Amino acid sequence: MAKTQKWTASTFVSLVHENLTEKGHKVKKSDLSWAVKDAFEAAVAAGARGMRVRFPEIGALASRDVKARKAGKGTNPFTGESIMLKARPASKKPRWSFPKAVREAYIRQAARKAA
């Protein structure tokens, strides 16, 4: 099985910088790096405030409500021992949802690898 290639923030910035310079735009890599960082920081801040932040081609960032859980008993699946579960207050957690086109692209890629 082939090792998957990592995409870091600097990889993303380099790719965008190359595309912009090919099209004749003059942008410093450092300025582009700051712009990307600021855009994602603003998206995270808006998501934390409860807004749904959409990136048209790759998905949407939103917050999800998690219900409170009462304390109770549970069983350790490995030992069968009875354990006490702590109560958990209600909270909000980030959630990323992908558009249908992205999900289908991953399914097609998996089907190609299987064939």
PDB file of N, CA and C in Angstrom:
ATOM      1  N   MET A   1       0.842  -1.180   0.000  1.00  0.00           N
ATOM      2  CA  MET A   1       0.000   0.000   0.000  1.00  0.00           C
ATOM      3  C   MET A   1       0.891   1.248   0.000  1.00  0.00           C
ATOM      4  N   ALA A   2       0.593   2.182  -0.847  1.00  0.00           N
ATOM      5  CA  ALA A   2       1.400   3.392  -0.973  1.00  0.00           C
ATOM      6  C   ALA A   2       1.147   4.324   0.210  1.00  0.00           C
ATOM      7  N   LYS A   3       2.197   5.009   0.605  1.00  0.00           N
ATOM      8  CA  LYS A   3       2.085   5.956   1.702  1.00  0.00           C
ATOM      9  C   LYS A   3       1.350   7.202   1.206  1.00  0.00           C
ATOM     10  N   THR A   4       0.401   7.703   2.001  1.00  0.00           N
ATOM     11  CA  THR A   4      -0.338   8.891   1.588  1.00  0.00           C
ATOM     12  C   THR A   4       0.532  10.124   1.760  1.00  0.00           C
ATOM     13  N   GLN A   5       0.355  11.051   0.860  1.00  0.00           N
ATOM     14  CA  GLN A   5       1.126  12.282   0.878  1.00  0.00           C
ATOM     15  C   GLN A   5       0.464  13.264   1.839  1.00  0.00           C
ATOM     16  N   LYS A   6       1.278  13.948   2.646  1.00  0.00           N
ATOM     17  CA  LYS A   6       0.741  14.927   3.589  1.00  0.00           C
ATOM     18  C   LYS A   6       0.578  16.275   2.905  1.00  0.00           C
ATOM     19  N   TRP A   7      -0.481  16.946   3.264  1.00  0.00           N
ATOM     20  CA  TRP A   7      -0.701  18.310   2.815  1.00  0.00           C
ATOM     21  C   TRP A   7      -0.672  19.186   4.039  1.00  0.00           C
ATOM     22  N   THR A   8       0.327  20.046   4.139  1.00  0.00           N
ATOM     23  CA  THR A   8       0.416  20.977   5.251  1.00  0.00           C
ATOM     24  C   THR A   8      -0.031  22.354   4.767  1.00  0.00           C
ATOM     25  N   ALA A   9      -0.076  23.295   5.701  1.00  0.00           N
ATOM     26  CA  ALA A   9      -0.454  24.658   5.330  1.00  0.00           C
ATOM     27  C   ALA A   9       0.544  25.235   4.331  1.00  0.00           C
ATOM     28  N   SER A  10       1.825  24.962   4.531  1.00  0.00           N
ATOM     29  CA  SER A  10       2.831  25.502   3.602  1.00  0.00           C
ATOM     30  C   SER A  10       2.712  24.860   2.221  1.00  0.00           C
ATOM     31  N   THR A  11       2.317  23.585   2.166  1.00  0.00           N
ATOM     32  CA  THR A  11       2.092  22.926   0.878  1.00  0.00           C
ATOM     33  C   THR A  11       0.951  23.615   0.139  1.00  0.00           C
ATOM     34  N   PHE A  12      -0.117  23.893   0.869  1.00  0.00           N
ATOM     35  CA  PHE A  12      -1.279  24.564   0.288  1.00  0.00           C
ATOM     36  C   PHE A  12      -0.902  25.952  -0.221  1.00  0.00           C
ATOM     37  N   VAL A  13      -0.173  26.707   0.599  1.00  0.00           N
ATOM     38  CA  VAL A  13       0.237  28.060   0.205  1.00  0.00           C
ATOM     39  C   VAL A  13       1.131  28.005  -1.029  1.00  0.00           C
ATOM     40  N   SER A  14       2.050  27.054  -1.077  1.00  0.00           N
ATOM     41  CA  SER A  14       2.941  26.923  -2.238  1.00  0.00           C
ATOM     42  C   SER A  14       2.159  26.623  -3.513  1.00  0.00           C
ATOM     43  N   LEU A  15       1.179  25.734  -3.413  1.00  0.00           N
ATOM     44  CA  LEU A  15       0.358  25.387  -4.572  1.00  0.00           C
ATOM     45  C   LEU A  15      -0.430  26.595  -5.078  1.00  0.00           C
ATOM     46  N   VAL A  16      -1.048  27.330  -4.161  1.00  0.00           N
ATOM     47  CA  VAL A  16      -1.812  28.522  -4.555  1.00  0.00           C
ATOM     48  C   VAL A  16      -0.872  29.572  -5.144  1.00  0.00           C
ATOM     49  N   HIS A  17       0.308  29.740  -4.552  1.00  0.00           N
ATOM     50  CA  HIS A  17       1.284  30.714  -5.056  1.00  0.00           C
ATOM     51  C   HIS A  17       1.711  30.370  -6.477  1.00  0.00           C
ATOM     52  N   GLU A  18       1.977  29.092  -6.739  1.00  0.00           N
ATOM     53  CA  GLU A  18       2.357  28.666  -8.094  1.00  0.00           C
ATOM     54  C   GLU A  18       1.241  28.955  -9.092  1.00  0.00           C
ATOM     55  N   ASN A  19       0.007  28.646  -8.711  1.00  0.00           N
ATOM     56  CA  ASN A  19      -1.129  28.894  -9.610  1.00  0.00           C
ATOM     57  C   ASN A  19      -1.297  30.382  -9.897  1.00  0.00           C
ATOM     58  N   LEU A  20      -1.120  31.220  -8.878  1.00  0.00           N
ATOM     59  CA  LEU A  20      -1.268  32.662  -9.082  1.00  0.00           C
ATOM     60  C   LEU A  20      -0.151  33.225  -9.956  1.00  0.00           C
ATOM     61  N   THR A  21       1.083  32.768  -9.757  1.00  0.00           N
ATOM     62  CA  THR A  21       2.188  33.279 -10.578  1.00  0.00           C
ATOM     63  C   THR A  21       2.064  32.816 -12.024  1.00  0.00           C
ATOM     64  N   GLU A  22       1.533  31.614 -12.252  1.00  0.00           N
ATOM     65  CA  GLU A  22       1.300  31.148 -13.627  1.00  0.00           C
ATOM     66  C   GLU A  22       0.281  32.030 -14.339  1.00  0.00           C
ATOM     67  N   LYS A  23      -0.671  32.567 -13.578  1.00  0.00           N
ATOM     68  CA  LYS A  23      -1.708  33.420 -14.170  1.00  0.00           C
ATOM     69  C   LYS A  23      -1.274  34.881 -14.244  1.00  0.00           C
ATOM     70  N   GLY A  24      -0.043  35.171 -13.804  1.00  0.00           N
ATOM     71  CA  GLY A  24       0.487  36.522 -13.946  1.00  0.00           C
ATOM     72  C   GLY A  24       0.282  37.421 -12.742  1.00  0.00           C
ATOM     73  N   HIS A  25      -0.219  36.908 -11.644  1.00  0.00           N
ATOM     74  CA  HIS A  25      -0.409  37.726 -10.439  1.00  0.00           C
ATOM     75  C   HIS A  25       0.872  37.720  -9.624  1.00  0.00           C
ATOM     76  N   LYS A  26       1.229  38.888  -9.101  1.00  0.00           N
ATOM     77  CA  LYS A  26       2.433  38.988  -8.286  1.00  0.00           C
ATOM     78  C   LYS A  26       2.020  39.114  -6.825  1.00  0.00           C
ATOM     79  N   VAL A  27       2.168  38.016  -6.099  1.00  0.00           N
ATOM     80  CA  VAL A  27       1.838  37.978  -4.676  1.00  0.00           C
ATOM     81  C   VAL A  27       2.997  37.308  -3.955  1.00  0.00           C
ATOM     82  N   LYS A  28       3.422  37.912  -2.842  1.00  0.00           N
ATOM     83  CA  LYS A  28       4.478  37.290  -2.052  1.00  0.00           C
ATOM     84  C   LYS A  28       3.917  36.068  -1.342  1.00  0.00           C
ATOM     85  N   LYS A  29       4.757  35.061  -1.195  1.00  0.00           N
ATOM     86  CA  LYS A  29       4.340  33.848  -0.492  1.00  0.00           C
ATOM     87  C   LYS A  29       3.982  34.152   0.961  1.00  0.00           C
ATOM     88  N   SER A  30       4.736  35.057   1.581  1.00  0.00           N
ATOM     89  CA  SER A  30       4.477  35.397   2.982  1.00  0.00           C
ATOM     90  C   SER A  30       3.123  36.088   3.135  1.00  0.00           C
ATOM     91  N   ASP A  31       2.787  36.985   2.185  1.00  0.00           N
ATOM     92  CA  ASP A  31       1.480  37.650   2.229  1.00  0.00           C
ATOM     93  C   ASP A  31       0.353  36.643   2.037  1.00  0.00           C
ATOM     94  N   LEU A  32       0.559  35.718   1.138  1.00  0.00           N
ATOM     95  CA  LEU A  32      -0.441  34.683   0.877  1.00  0.00           C
ATOM     96  C   LEU A  32      -0.608  33.786   2.099  1.00  0.00           C
ATOM     97  N   SER A  33       0.495  33.474   2.757  1.00  0.00           N
ATOM     98  CA  SER A  33       0.450  32.648   3.960  1.00  0.00           C
ATOM     99  C   SER A  33      -0.369  33.332   5.053  1.00  0.00           C
ATOM    100  N   TRP A  34      -0.142  34.627   5.242  1.00  0.00           N
ATOM    101  CA  TRP A  34      -0.913  35.379   6.236  1.00  0.00           C
ATOM    102  C   TRP A  34      -2.391  35.424   5.867  1.00  0.00           C
ATOM    103  N   ALA A  35      -2.691  35.598   4.593  1.00  0.00           N
ATOM    104  CA  ALA A  35      -4.089  35.666   4.151  1.00  0.00           C
ATOM    105  C   ALA A  35      -4.812  34.347   4.412  1.00  0.00           C
ATOM    106  N   VAL A  36      -4.157  33.234   4.107  1.00  0.00           N
ATOM    107  CA  VAL A  36      -4.765  31.917   4.334  1.00  0.00           C
ATOM    108  C   VAL A  36      -4.977  31.691   5.824  1.00  0.00           C
ATOM    109  N   LYS A  37      -3.957  32.024   6.616  1.00  0.00           N
ATOM    110  CA  LYS A  37      -4.056  31.847   8.066  1.00  0.00           C
ATOM    111  C   LYS A  37      -5.195  32.693   8.637  1.00  0.00           C
ATOM    112  N   ASP A  38      -5.273  33.963   8.229  1.00  0.00           N
ATOM    113  CA  ASP A  38      -6.327  34.846   8.723  1.00  0.00           C
ATOM    114  C   ASP A  38      -7.711  34.370   8.303  1.00  0.00           C
ATOM    115  N   ALA A  39      -7.830  33.862   7.077  1.00  0.00           N
ATOM    116  CA  ALA A  39      -9.129  33.381   6.596  1.00  0.00           C
ATOM    117  C   ALA A  39      -9.617  32.204   7.433  1.00  0.00           C
ATOM    118  N   PHE A  40      -8.735  31.261   7.720  1.00  0.00           N
ATOM    119  CA  PHE A  40      -9.152  30.106   8.508  1.00  0.00           C
ATOM    120  C   PHE A  40      -9.380  30.458   9.973  1.00  0.00           C
ATOM    121  N   GLU A  41      -8.605  31.399  10.520  1.00  0.00           N
ATOM    122  CA  GLU A  41      -8.851  31.850  11.890  1.00  0.00           C
ATOM    123  C   GLU A  41     -10.215  32.525  11.993  1.00  0.00           C
ATOM    124  N   ALA A  42     -10.574  33.326  10.993  1.00  0.00           N
ATOM    125  CA  ALA A  42     -11.885  33.978  10.982  1.00  0.00           C
ATOM    126  C   ALA A  42     -12.999  32.945  10.854  1.00  0.00           C
ATOM    127  N   ALA A  43     -12.778  31.910  10.051  1.00  0.00           N
ATOM    128  CA  ALA A  43     -13.778  30.852   9.893  1.00  0.00           C
ATOM    129  C   ALA A  43     -13.982  30.094  11.198  1.00  0.00           C
ATOM    130  N   VAL A  44     -12.905  29.801  11.890  1.00  0.00           N
ATOM    131  CA  VAL A  44     -13.009  29.095  13.174  1.00  0.00           C
ATOM    132  C   VAL A  44     -13.728  29.963  14.198  1.00  0.00           C
ATOM    133  N   ALA A  45     -13.405  31.252  14.239  1.00  0.00           N
ATOM    134  CA  ALA A  45     -14.061  32.159  15.183  1.00  0.00           C
ATOM    135  C   ALA A  45     -15.556  32.261  14.893  1.00  0.00           C
ATOM    136  N   ALA A  46     -15.922  32.342  13.623  1.00  0.00           N
ATOM    137  CA  ALA A  46     -17.343  32.407  13.259  1.00  0.00           C
ATOM    138  C   ALA A  46     -18.047  31.099  13.603  1.00  0.00           C
ATOM    139  N   GLY A  47     -17.394  29.981  13.366  1.00  0.00           N
ATOM    140  CA  GLY A  47     -17.965  28.687  13.722  1.00  0.00           C
ATOM    141  C   GLY A  47     -18.166  28.549  15.214  1.00  0.00           C
ATOM    142  N   ALA A  48     -17.232  29.080  16.000  1.00  0.00           N
ATOM    143  CA  ALA A  48     -17.346  29.026  17.460  1.00  0.00           C
ATOM    144  C   ALA A  48     -18.512  29.875  17.953  1.00  0.00           C
ATOM    145  N   ARG A  49     -18.870  30.912  17.198  1.00  0.00           N
ATOM    146  CA  ARG A  49     -20.023  31.745  17.563  1.00  0.00           C
ATOM    147  C   ARG A  49     -21.345  31.115  17.139  1.00  0.00           C
ATOM    148  N   GLY A  50     -21.290  29.968  16.483  1.00  0.00           N
ATOM    149  CA  GLY A  50     -22.509  29.273  16.084  1.00  0.00           C
ATOM    150  C   GLY A  50     -22.899  29.471  14.632  1.00  0.00           C
ATOM    151  N   MET A  51     -22.098  30.179  13.869  1.00  0.00           N
ATOM    152  CA  MET A  51     -22.411  30.393  12.456  1.00  0.00           C
ATOM    153  C   MET A  51     -21.960  29.191  11.632  1.00  0.00           C
ATOM    154  N   ARG A  52     -22.611  28.962  10.520  1.00  0.00           N
ATOM    155  CA  ARG A  52     -22.201  27.917   9.578  1.00  0.00           C
ATOM    156  C   ARG A  52     -21.338  28.594   8.516  1.00  0.00           C
ATOM    157  N   VAL A  53     -20.088  28.181   8.409  1.00  0.00           N
ATOM    158  CA  VAL A  53     -19.133  28.791   7.482  1.00  0.00           C
ATOM    159  C   VAL A  53     -18.973  27.863   6.288  1.00  0.00           C
ATOM    160  N   ARG A  54     -19.318  28.344   5.104  1.00  0.00           N
ATOM    161  CA  ARG A  54     -19.269  27.509   3.898  1.00  0.00           C
ATOM    162  C   ARG A  54     -18.048  27.839   3.047  1.00  0.00           C
ATOM    163  N   PHE A  55     -17.381  26.772   2.621  1.00  0.00           N
ATOM    164  CA  PHE A  55     -16.335  26.852   1.615  1.00  0.00           C
ATOM    165  C   PHE A  55     -16.910  26.087   0.427  1.00  0.00           C
ATOM    166  N   PRO A  56     -17.343  26.774  -0.634  1.00  0.00           N
ATOM    167  CA  PRO A  56     -18.165  26.161  -1.678  1.00  0.00           C
ATOM    168  C   PRO A  56     -17.678  24.835  -2.248  1.00  0.00           C
ATOM    169  N   GLU A  57     -16.411  24.664  -2.462  1.00  0.00           N
ATOM    170  CA  GLU A  57     -15.937  23.444  -3.113  1.00  0.00           C
ATOM    171  C   GLU A  57     -15.557  22.333  -2.144  1.00  0.00           C
ATOM    172  N   ILE A  58     -15.291  22.675  -0.875  1.00  0.00           N
ATOM    173  CA  ILE A  58     -14.784  21.641   0.039  1.00  0.00           C
ATOM    174  C   ILE A  58     -15.675  21.344   1.234  1.00  0.00           C
ATOM    175  N   GLY A  59     -16.638  22.175   1.554  1.00  0.00           N
ATOM    176  CA  GLY A  59     -17.544  21.828   2.647  1.00  0.00           C
ATOM    177  C   GLY A  59     -17.930  23.001   3.519  1.00  0.00           C
ATOM    178  N   ALA A  60     -18.441  22.656   4.707  1.00  0.00           N
ATOM    179  CA  ALA A  60     -18.916  23.675   5.632  1.00  0.00           C
ATOM    180  C   ALA A  60     -18.502  23.328   7.055  1.00  0.00           C
ATOM    181  N   LEU A  61     -18.171  24.361   7.820  1.00  0.00           N
ATOM    182  CA  LEU A  61     -17.804  24.225   9.217  1.00  0.00           C
ATOM    183  C   LEU A  61     -18.974  24.730  10.045  1.00  0.00           C
ATOM    184  N   ALA A  62     -19.438  23.930  10.993  1.00  0.00           N
ATOM    185  CA  ALA A  62     -20.565  24.320  11.827  1.00  0.00           C
ATOM    186  C   ALA A  62     -20.354  23.763  13.226  1.00  0.00           C
ATOM    187  N   SER A  63     -21.169  24.227  14.167  1.00  0.00           N
ATOM    188  CA  SER A  63     -21.092  23.668  15.510  1.00  0.00           C
ATOM    189  C   SER A  63     -22.286  22.748  15.723  1.00  0.00           C
ATOM    190  N   ARG A  64     -22.060  21.700  16.483  1.00  0.00           N
ATOM    191  CA  ARG A  64     -23.100  20.709  16.751  1.00  0.00           C
ATOM    192  C   ARG A  64     -23.359  20.679  18.248  1.00  0.00           C
ATOM    193  N   ASP A  65     -24.627  20.658  18.642  1.00  0.00           N
ATOM    194  CA  ASP A  65     -24.982  20.561  20.049  1.00  0.00           C
ATOM    195  C   ASP A  65     -24.851  19.121  20.514  1.00  0.00           C
ATOM    196  N   VAL A  66     -24.191  18.936  21.650  1.00  0.00           N
ATOM    197  CA  VAL A  66     -24.049  17.614  22.248  1.00  0.00           C
ATOM    198  C   VAL A  66     -24.878  17.617  23.522  1.00  0.00           C
ATOM    199  N   LYS A  67     -25.777  16.657  23.641  1.00  0.00           N
ATOM    200  CA  LYS A  67     -26.667  16.598  24.800  1.00  0.00           C
ATOM    201  C   LYS A  67     -25.900  16.231  26.063  1.00  0.00           C
ATOM    202  N   ALA A  68     -26.451  16.645  27.195  1.00  0.00           N
ATOM    203  CA  ALA A  68     -25.873  16.282  28.485  1.00  0.00           C
ATOM    204  C   ALA A  68     -26.087  14.790  28.718  1.00  0.00           C
ATOM    205  N   ARG A  69     -25.185  14.198  29.498  1.00  0.00           N
ATOM    206  CA  ARG A  69     -25.305  12.775  29.813  1.00  0.00           C
ATOM    207  C   ARG A  69     -25.265  12.611  31.325  1.00  0.00           C
ATOM    208  N   LYS A  70     -26.167  11.820  31.851  1.00  0.00           N
ATOM    209  CA  LYS A  70     -26.195  11.553  33.284  1.00  0.00           C
ATOM    210  C   LYS A  70     -25.093  10.570  33.643  1.00  0.00           C
ATOM    211  N   ALA A  71     -24.700  10.594  34.916  1.00  0.00           N
ATOM    212  CA  ALA A  71     -23.740   9.606  35.401  1.00  0.00           C
ATOM    213  C   ALA A  71     -24.437   8.254  35.436  1.00  0.00           C
ATOM    214  N   GLY A  72     -23.685   7.196  35.264  1.00  0.00           N
ATOM    215  CA  GLY A  72     -24.292   5.868  35.272  1.00  0.00           C
ATOM    216  C   GLY A  72     -23.239   4.787  35.304  1.00  0.00           C
ATOM    217  N   LYS A  73     -23.699   3.561  35.187  1.00  0.00           N
ATOM    218  CA  LYS A  73     -22.791   2.419  35.198  1.00  0.00           C
ATOM    219  C   LYS A  73     -22.543   1.948  33.774  1.00  0.00           C
ATOM    220  N   GLY A  74     -21.350   1.456  33.553  1.00  0.00           N
ATOM    221  CA  GLY A  74     -20.988   0.892  32.269  1.00  0.00           C
ATOM    222  C   GLY A  74     -20.139  -0.338  32.496  1.00  0.00           C
ATOM    223  N   THR A  75     -19.792  -1.014  31.421  1.00  0.00           N
ATOM    224  CA  THR A  75     -18.977  -2.218  31.518  1.00  0.00           C
ATOM    225  C   THR A  75     -17.747  -2.071  30.642  1.00  0.00           C
ATOM    226  N   ASN A  76     -16.592  -2.383  31.207  1.00  0.00           N
ATOM    227  CA  ASN A  76     -15.349  -2.379  30.450  1.00  0.00           C
ATOM    228  C   ASN A  76     -15.408  -3.560  29.481  1.00  0.00           C
ATOM    229  N   PRO A  77     -15.358  -3.321  28.165  1.00  0.00           N
ATOM    230  CA  PRO A  77     -15.512  -4.418  27.211  1.00  0.00           C
ATOM    231  C   PRO A  77     -14.363  -5.433  27.236  1.00  0.00           C
ATOM    232  N   PHE A  78     -13.205  -5.034  27.721  1.00  0.00           N
ATOM    233  CA  PHE A  78     -12.060  -5.943  27.743  1.00  0.00           C
ATOM    234  C   PHE A  78     -12.069  -6.865  28.954  1.00  0.00           C
ATOM    235  N   THR A  79     -12.430  -6.298  30.123  1.00  0.00           N
ATOM    236  CA  THR A  79     -12.364  -7.091  31.352  1.00  0.00           C
ATOM    237  C   THR A  79     -13.723  -7.524  31.864  1.00  0.00           C
ATOM    238  N   GLY A  80     -14.783  -6.870  31.392  1.00  0.00           N
ATOM    239  CA  GLY A  80     -16.119  -7.179  31.889  1.00  0.00           C
ATOM    240  C   GLY A  80     -16.404  -6.522  33.229  1.00  0.00           C
ATOM    241  N   GLU A  81     -15.462  -5.731  33.725  1.00  0.00           N
ATOM    242  CA  GLU A  81     -15.598  -5.067  35.020  1.00  0.00           C
ATOM    243  C   GLU A  81     -16.619  -3.935  34.927  1.00  0.00           C
ATOM    244  N   SER A  82     -17.425  -3.765  35.963  1.00  0.00           N
ATOM    245  CA  SER A  82     -18.412  -2.692  36.023  1.00  0.00           C
ATOM    246  C   SER A  82     -17.695  -1.402  36.432  1.00  0.00           C
ATOM    247  N   ILE A  83     -17.954  -0.308  35.709  1.00  0.00           N
ATOM    248  CA  ILE A  83     -17.309   0.973  36.002  1.00  0.00           C
ATOM    249  C   ILE A  83     -18.358   2.065  36.078  1.00  0.00           C
ATOM    250  N   MET A  84     -18.010   3.166  36.743  1.00  0.00           N
ATOM    251  CA  MET A  84     -18.904   4.321  36.833  1.00  0.00           C
ATOM    252  C   MET A  84     -18.534   5.323  35.735  1.00  0.00           C
ATOM    253  N   LEU A  85     -19.527   5.781  35.006  1.00  0.00           N
ATOM    254  CA  LEU A  85     -19.319   6.789  33.964  1.00  0.00           C
ATOM    255  C   LEU A  85     -19.650   8.154  34.546  1.00  0.00           C
ATOM    256  N   LYS A  86     -18.812   9.146  34.272  1.00  0.00           N
ATOM    257  CA  LYS A  86     -19.030  10.499  34.775  1.00  0.00           C
ATOM    258  C   LYS A  86     -20.164  11.175  34.012  1.00  0.00           C
ATOM    259  N   ALA A  87     -20.815  12.116  34.674  1.00  0.00           N
ATOM    260  CA  ALA A  87     -21.818  12.938  34.003  1.00  0.00           C
ATOM    261  C   ALA A  87     -21.096  13.906  33.080  1.00  0.00           C
ATOM    262  N   ARG A  88     -21.735  14.254  31.977  1.00  0.00           N
ATOM    263  CA  ARG A  88     -21.138  15.180  31.021  1.00  0.00           C
ATOM    264  C   ARG A  88     -22.141  16.297  30.756  1.00  0.00           C
ATOM    265  N   PRO A  89     -21.736  17.562  30.917  1.00  0.00           N
ATOM    266  CA  PRO A  89     -22.664  18.659  30.642  1.00  0.00           C
ATOM    267  C   PRO A  89     -22.896  18.825  29.137  1.00  0.00           C
ATOM    268  N   ALA A  90     -23.962  19.511  28.792  1.00  0.00           N
ATOM    269  CA  ALA A  90     -24.232  19.805  27.383  1.00  0.00           C
ATOM    270  C   ALA A  90     -23.120  20.715  26.855  1.00  0.00           C
ATOM    271  N   SER A  91     -22.768  20.542  25.591  1.00  0.00           N
ATOM    272  CA  SER A  91     -21.695  21.348  25.007  1.00  0.00           C
ATOM    273  C   SER A  91     -21.901  21.482  23.504  1.00  0.00           C
ATOM    274  N   LYS A  92     -21.018  22.238  22.885  1.00  0.00           N
ATOM    275  CA  LYS A  92     -21.016  22.387  21.430  1.00  0.00           C
ATOM    276  C   LYS A  92     -19.684  21.879  20.916  1.00  0.00           C
ATOM    277  N   LYS A  93     -19.718  21.167  19.797  1.00  0.00           N
ATOM    278  CA  LYS A  93     -18.499  20.642  19.195  1.00  0.00           C
ATOM    279  C   LYS A  93     -18.471  21.021  17.723  1.00  0.00           C
ATOM    280  N   PRO A  94     -17.266  21.234  17.180  1.00  0.00           N
ATOM    281  CA  PRO A  94     -17.181  21.567  15.757  1.00  0.00           C
ATOM    282  C   PRO A  94     -17.492  20.358  14.889  1.00  0.00           C
ATOM    283  N   ARG A  95     -18.058  20.640  13.730  1.00  0.00           N
ATOM    284  CA  ARG A  95     -18.375  19.571  12.782  1.00  0.00           C
ATOM    285  C   ARG A  95     -18.085  20.074  11.374  1.00  0.00           C
ATOM    286  N   TRP A  96     -17.486  19.226  10.575  1.00  0.00           N
ATOM    287  CA  TRP A  96     -17.194  19.546   9.186  1.00  0.00           C
ATOM    288  C   TRP A  96     -18.075  18.668   8.318  1.00  0.00           C
ATOM    289  N   SER A  97     -18.814  19.260   7.410  1.00  0.00           N
ATOM    290  CA  SER A  97     -19.633  18.469   6.491  1.00  0.00           C
ATOM    291  C   SER A  97     -19.133  18.704   5.063  1.00  0.00           C
ATOM    292  N   PHE A  98     -19.044  17.608   4.332  1.00  0.00           N
ATOM    293  CA  PHE A  98     -18.525  17.660   2.972  1.00  0.00           C
ATOM    294  C   PHE A  98     -19.668  17.685   1.966  1.00  0.00           C
ATOM    295  N   PRO A  99     -19.505  18.390   0.836  1.00  0.00           N
ATOM    296  CA  PRO A  99     -20.536  18.366  -0.198  1.00  0.00           C
ATOM    297  C   PRO A  99     -20.568  17.005  -0.895  1.00  0.00           C
ATOM    298  N   LYS A 100     -21.665  16.743  -1.558  1.00  0.00           N
ATOM    299  CA  LYS A 100     -21.868  15.456  -2.222  1.00  0.00           C
ATOM    300  C   LYS A 100     -20.771  15.164  -3.248  1.00  0.00           C
ATOM    301  N   ALA A 101     -20.327  16.170  -3.973  1.00  0.00           N
ATOM    302  CA  ALA A 101     -19.290  15.973  -5.003  1.00  0.00           C
ATOM    303  C   ALA A 101     -17.988  15.455  -4.390  1.00  0.00           C
ATOM    304  N   VAL A 102     -17.629  15.942  -3.207  1.00  0.00           N
ATOM    305  CA  VAL A 102     -16.401  15.484  -2.548  1.00  0.00           C
ATOM    306  C   VAL A 102     -16.561  14.040  -2.092  1.00  0.00           C
ATOM    307  N   ARG A 103     -17.691  13.718  -1.486  1.00  0.00           N
ATOM    308  CA  ARG A 103     -17.929  12.341  -1.030  1.00  0.00           C
ATOM    309  C   ARG A 103     -17.875  11.367  -2.206  1.00  0.00           C
ATOM    310  N   GLU A 104     -18.500  11.741  -3.325  1.00  0.00           N
ATOM    311  CA  GLU A 104     -18.506  10.863  -4.501  1.00  0.00           C
ATOM    312  C   GLU A 104     -17.105  10.706  -5.096  1.00  0.00           C
ATOM    313  N   ALA A 105     -16.297  11.758  -5.050  1.00  0.00           N
ATOM    314  CA  ALA A 105     -14.921  11.670  -5.557  1.00  0.00           C
ATOM    315  C   ALA A 105     -14.110  10.671  -4.737  1.00  0.00           C
ATOM    316  N   TYR A 106     -14.305  10.657  -3.430  1.00  0.00           N
ATOM    317  CA  TYR A 106     -13.594   9.698  -2.571  1.00  0.00           C
ATOM    318  C   TYR A 106     -14.066   8.278  -2.846  1.00  0.00           C
ATOM    319  N   ILE A 107     -15.354   8.105  -3.083  1.00  0.00           N
ATOM    320  CA  ILE A 107     -15.893   6.771  -3.382  1.00  0.00           C
ATOM    321  C   ILE A 107     -15.328   6.266  -4.707  1.00  0.00           C
ATOM    322  N   ARG A 108     -15.286   7.150  -5.726  1.00  0.00           N
ATOM    323  CA  ARG A 108     -14.724   6.762  -7.026  1.00  0.00           C
ATOM    324  C   ARG A 108     -13.257   6.376  -6.890  1.00  0.00           C
ATOM    325  N   GLN A 109     -12.506   7.140  -6.094  1.00  0.00           N
ATOM    326  CA  GLN A 109     -11.081   6.854  -5.907  1.00  0.00           C
ATOM    327  C   GLN A 109     -10.890   5.507  -5.215  1.00  0.00           C
ATOM    328  N   ALA A 110     -11.715   5.205  -4.227  1.00  0.00           N
ATOM    329  CA  ALA A 110     -11.616   3.917  -3.525  1.00  0.00           C
ATOM    330  C   ALA A 110     -11.967   2.770  -4.462  1.00  0.00           C
ATOM    331  N   ALA A 111     -12.947   2.983  -5.345  1.00  0.00           N
ATOM    332  CA  ALA A 111     -13.342   1.945  -6.300  1.00  0.00           C
ATOM    333  C   ALA A 111     -12.212   1.680  -7.300  1.00  0.00           C
ATOM    334  N   ARG A 112     -11.504   2.731  -7.716  1.00  0.00           N
ATOM    335  CA  ARG A 112     -10.379   2.559  -8.643  1.00  0.00           C
ATOM    336  C   ARG A 112      -9.261   1.747  -7.996  1.00  0.00           C
ATOM    337  N   LYS A 113      -8.988   2.025  -6.726  1.00  0.00           N
ATOM    338  CA  LYS A 113      -7.924   1.300  -6.026  1.00  0.00           C
ATOM    339  C   LYS A 113      -8.297  -0.164  -5.833  1.00  0.00           C
ATOM    340  N   ALA A 114      -9.580  -0.434  -5.605  1.00  0.00           N
ATOM    341  CA  ALA A 114     -10.035  -1.811  -5.380  1.00  0.00           C
ATOM    342  C   ALA A 114      -9.989  -2.626  -6.667  1.00  0.00           C
ATOM    343  N   ALA A 115     -10.175  -1.965  -7.804  1.00  0.00           N
ATOM    344  CA  ALA A 115     -10.216  -2.685  -9.090  1.00  0.00           C
ATOM    345  C   ALA A 115      -8.850  -3.044  -9.606  1.00  0.00           C
TER     346      ALA A 115
END
